[in-house]
Amino acid sequence: MKKIGLLSDTHGHLDPKLFKYFSACDEIWHAGDFGTLEVSDRLQAFKPLIGVYGNIDGQEIRAIHPLDQEFTCEKVKVWMTHIGGYPGRYDPRVREKLPQAPPDLFICGHSHILKVMKDQKLGTLVMNPGAAGIYGFHQIKTALRFTIDGERIKDLEVIELGRRGAL
């Protein structure tokens, strides 16, 4: 059993409350747009980190975090990328690749819109944790926390970190 803290779109800002919310997590997953290498380094120093780079991330981040992460956690097949979309509105690259070997869990960021939904056609759970940073059009900073137990994804929690402009 693994407890996961999932965030995205930090854009160089790490809300201190994340460390409290993720303290009981076994791993942190970041779905891109770290913004700075410092964000990646601080998360990695805190807990094991799996991340992908986002469209705003420079070469320092891209040298550490790939475009895609495809891995298995417990018995759940995961694909994480930054620009992904959601059922009926997948990014063209994702729309082409996803049906070939649908993961159990597809994670993306980019939109700054928190969304968790099932792709009924593919049987894939799609998660976007919204944006945890202070830049963008979102109003509330968000992240997700959940548990993977064998092949089950359970105990999903939405974490609200306050208004976007609030440090």
Protein backbone atom coordinates (compact mmCIF):
# COMPACT_ATOMS: atom_id res chain seq x y z
CA MET A 1 0.00 0.00 0.00
CA LYS A 2 1.31 3.45 -0.97
CA LYS A 3 -0.01 6.86 -0.10
CA ILE A 4 0.55 9.38 -2.90
CA GLY A 5 0.63 13.18 -2.87
CA LEU A 6 -0.13 14.55 -6.35
CA LEU A 7 0.40 18.11 -7.48
CA SER A 8 1.04 20.10 -10.63
CA ASP A 9 1.63 23.59 -11.92
CA THR A 10 3.60 24.94 -8.99
CA HIS A 11 5.27 27.48 -11.31
CA GLY A 12 8.12 28.03 -8.86
CA HIS A 13 5.98 28.26 -5.70
CA LEU A 14 5.69 25.57 -3.03
CA ASP A 15 2.98 26.28 -0.49
CA PRO A 16 4.41 25.36 2.94
CA LYS A 17 1.11 23.62 3.80
CA LEU A 18 1.92 20.93 1.20
CA PHE A 19 4.62 19.53 3.49
CA LYS A 20 2.03 19.02 6.23
CA TYR A 21 -0.53 17.46 3.88
CA PHE A 22 2.07 15.20 2.26
CA SER A 23 3.88 14.23 5.48
CA ALA A 24 2.15 10.83 5.65
CA CYS A 25 2.67 10.15 1.92
CA ASP A 26 5.14 7.57 0.68
CA GLU A 27 5.76 9.37 -2.63
CA ILE A 28 5.06 12.70 -4.27
CA TRP A 29 4.09 12.85 -7.92
CA HIS A 30 4.39 16.15 -9.81
CA ALA A 31 2.58 16.43 -13.15
CA GLY A 32 4.75 19.21 -14.60
CA ASP A 33 5.37 22.94 -14.62
CA PHE A 34 7.68 22.82 -11.61
CA GLY A 35 8.84 26.29 -12.60
CA THR A 36 12.21 26.06 -10.86
CA LEU A 37 14.75 23.42 -10.03
CA GLU A 38 14.41 24.45 -6.37
CA VAL A 39 10.81 23.14 -6.31
CA SER A 40 11.96 19.76 -7.62
CA ASP A 41 14.91 19.65 -5.21
CA ARG A 42 12.81 20.56 -2.16
CA LEU A 43 10.19 17.92 -2.97
CA GLN A 44 12.87 15.28 -3.65
CA ALA A 45 14.56 16.07 -0.33
CA PHE A 46 11.21 15.63 1.45
CA LYS A 47 9.90 12.41 -0.13
CA PRO A 48 10.66 10.20 -3.14
CA LEU A 49 9.55 12.18 -6.20
CA ILE A 50 8.25 11.10 -9.58
CA GLY A 51 7.73 13.97 -11.99
CA VAL A 52 7.41 15.06 -15.59
CA TYR A 53 8.39 18.36 -17.12
CA GLY A 54 5.81 20.88 -18.25
CA ASN A 55 5.69 23.42 -21.01
CA ILE A 56 7.18 26.22 -18.87
CA ASP A 57 10.04 24.10 -17.53
CA GLY A 58 13.54 24.82 -18.82
CA GLN A 59 16.44 22.52 -19.61
CA GLU A 60 17.45 22.03 -15.95
CA ILE A 61 14.08 20.44 -15.17
CA ARG A 62 13.92 18.58 -18.49
CA ALA A 63 17.31 17.01 -17.77
CA ILE A 64 15.87 15.46 -14.60
CA HIS A 65 12.21 14.83 -15.39
CA PRO A 66 11.03 13.29 -18.70
CA LEU A 67 8.02 14.24 -20.85
CA ASP A 68 6.26 11.02 -19.80
CA GLN A 69 6.48 8.71 -16.82
CA GLU A 70 5.04 5.24 -17.34
CA PHE A 71 5.36 2.98 -14.32
CA THR A 72 3.53 0.56 -12.06
CA CYS A 73 2.66 1.46 -8.48
CA GLU A 74 1.56 -1.60 -6.53
CA LYS A 75 -0.54 -3.25 -9.30
CA VAL A 76 -1.75 -0.02 -10.91
CA LYS A 77 -0.33 0.92 -14.32
CA VAL A 78 0.26 4.69 -14.39
CA TRP A 79 0.98 7.14 -17.20
CA MET A 80 1.80 10.71 -16.23
CA THR A 81 2.43 13.59 -18.63
CA HIS A 82 1.90 17.33 -18.36
CA ILE A 83 -0.36 18.17 -21.31
CA GLY A 84 -2.93 15.40 -21.47
CA GLY A 85 -6.53 16.55 -21.42
CA TYR A 86 -9.43 14.37 -20.40
CA PRO A 87 -11.99 12.00 -22.00
CA GLY A 88 -13.43 13.55 -25.13
CA ARG A 89 -10.77 16.30 -25.07
CA TYR A 90 -7.41 14.54 -24.98
CA ASP A 91 -4.33 16.23 -26.41
CA PRO A 92 -3.67 14.80 -29.92
CA ARG A 93 -0.46 13.04 -28.80
CA VAL A 94 -2.29 11.42 -25.89
CA ARG A 95 -5.38 10.58 -27.96
CA GLU A 96 -3.17 8.63 -30.37
CA LYS A 97 -1.20 6.73 -27.74
CA LEU A 98 -3.71 6.15 -24.93
CA PRO A 99 -5.91 3.50 -26.60
CA GLN A 100 -2.88 1.40 -27.59
CA ALA A 101 -2.21 0.36 -23.99
CA PRO A 102 -4.58 2.17 -21.64
CA PRO A 103 -3.17 2.63 -18.15
CA ASP A 104 -5.27 2.13 -15.05
CA LEU A 105 -4.45 5.72 -14.02
CA PHE A 106 -3.72 8.62 -16.37
CA ILE A 107 -2.36 11.79 -14.73
CA CYS A 108 -1.82 15.20 -16.27
CA GLY A 109 -1.66 18.85 -15.30
CA HIS A 110 -1.49 21.98 -17.48
CA SER A 111 -5.13 23.12 -17.41
CA HIS A 112 -5.04 24.38 -13.79
CA ILE A 113 -8.47 22.72 -13.47
CA LEU A 114 -8.85 20.01 -10.86
CA LYS A 115 -10.57 17.07 -12.47
CA VAL A 116 -10.98 13.40 -11.56
CA MET A 117 -13.07 11.30 -13.90
CA LYS A 118 -13.33 7.85 -15.42
CA ASP A 119 -12.76 7.30 -19.11
CA GLN A 120 -15.56 4.78 -19.49
CA LYS A 121 -14.43 3.72 -22.97
CA LEU A 122 -10.89 2.87 -21.88
CA GLY A 123 -11.57 1.98 -18.24
CA THR A 124 -8.92 4.51 -17.18
CA LEU A 125 -9.15 6.82 -14.18
CA VAL A 126 -8.04 10.33 -15.21
CA MET A 127 -6.64 12.74 -12.60
CA ASN A 128 -5.58 16.36 -12.87
CA PRO A 129 -4.70 17.86 -9.48
CA GLY A 130 -5.31 21.43 -10.65
CA ALA A 131 -2.64 24.00 -9.83
CA ALA A 132 -0.75 24.31 -6.55
CA GLY A 133 1.08 27.49 -7.53
CA ILE A 134 0.20 31.17 -7.35
CA TYR A 135 0.34 31.92 -11.09
CA GLY A 136 -2.49 31.25 -13.53
CA PHE A 137 -6.22 31.80 -13.79
CA HIS A 138 -7.29 29.28 -11.12
CA GLN A 139 -8.81 30.77 -7.98
CA ILE A 140 -7.98 28.07 -5.42
CA LYS A 141 -4.63 26.25 -5.16
CA THR A 142 -5.25 22.50 -5.15
CA ALA A 143 -3.54 19.11 -4.91
CA LEU A 144 -4.69 15.51 -4.44
CA ARG A 145 -3.85 12.77 -1.97
CA PHE A 146 -4.83 9.12 -2.43
CA THR A 147 -3.83 5.56 -1.67
CA ILE A 148 -2.94 2.75 -4.05
CA ASP A 149 -3.54 -0.63 -2.47
CA GLY A 150 -2.81 -3.49 -4.84
CA GLU A 151 -4.96 -2.73 -7.86
CA ARG A 152 -7.26 -0.34 -5.99
CA ILE A 153 -7.07 3.46 -5.99
CA LYS A 154 -8.85 4.63 -2.86
CA ASP A 155 -9.16 7.31 -0.19
CA LEU A 156 -8.96 10.16 -2.69
CA GLU A 157 -8.81 13.57 -1.01
CA VAL A 158 -8.90 17.03 -2.56
CA ILE A 159 -6.54 19.42 -0.81
CA GLU A 160 -7.37 23.10 -0.98
CA LEU A 161 -4.40 25.31 -0.16
CA GLY A 162 -6.21 28.64 -0.18
CA ARG A 163 -6.67 31.37 -2.73
CA ARG A 164 -4.22 31.62 -5.61
CA GLY A 165 -2.77 34.97 -4.54
CA ALA A 166 -2.32 33.94 -0.90
CA LEU A 167 1.19 32.97 0.08
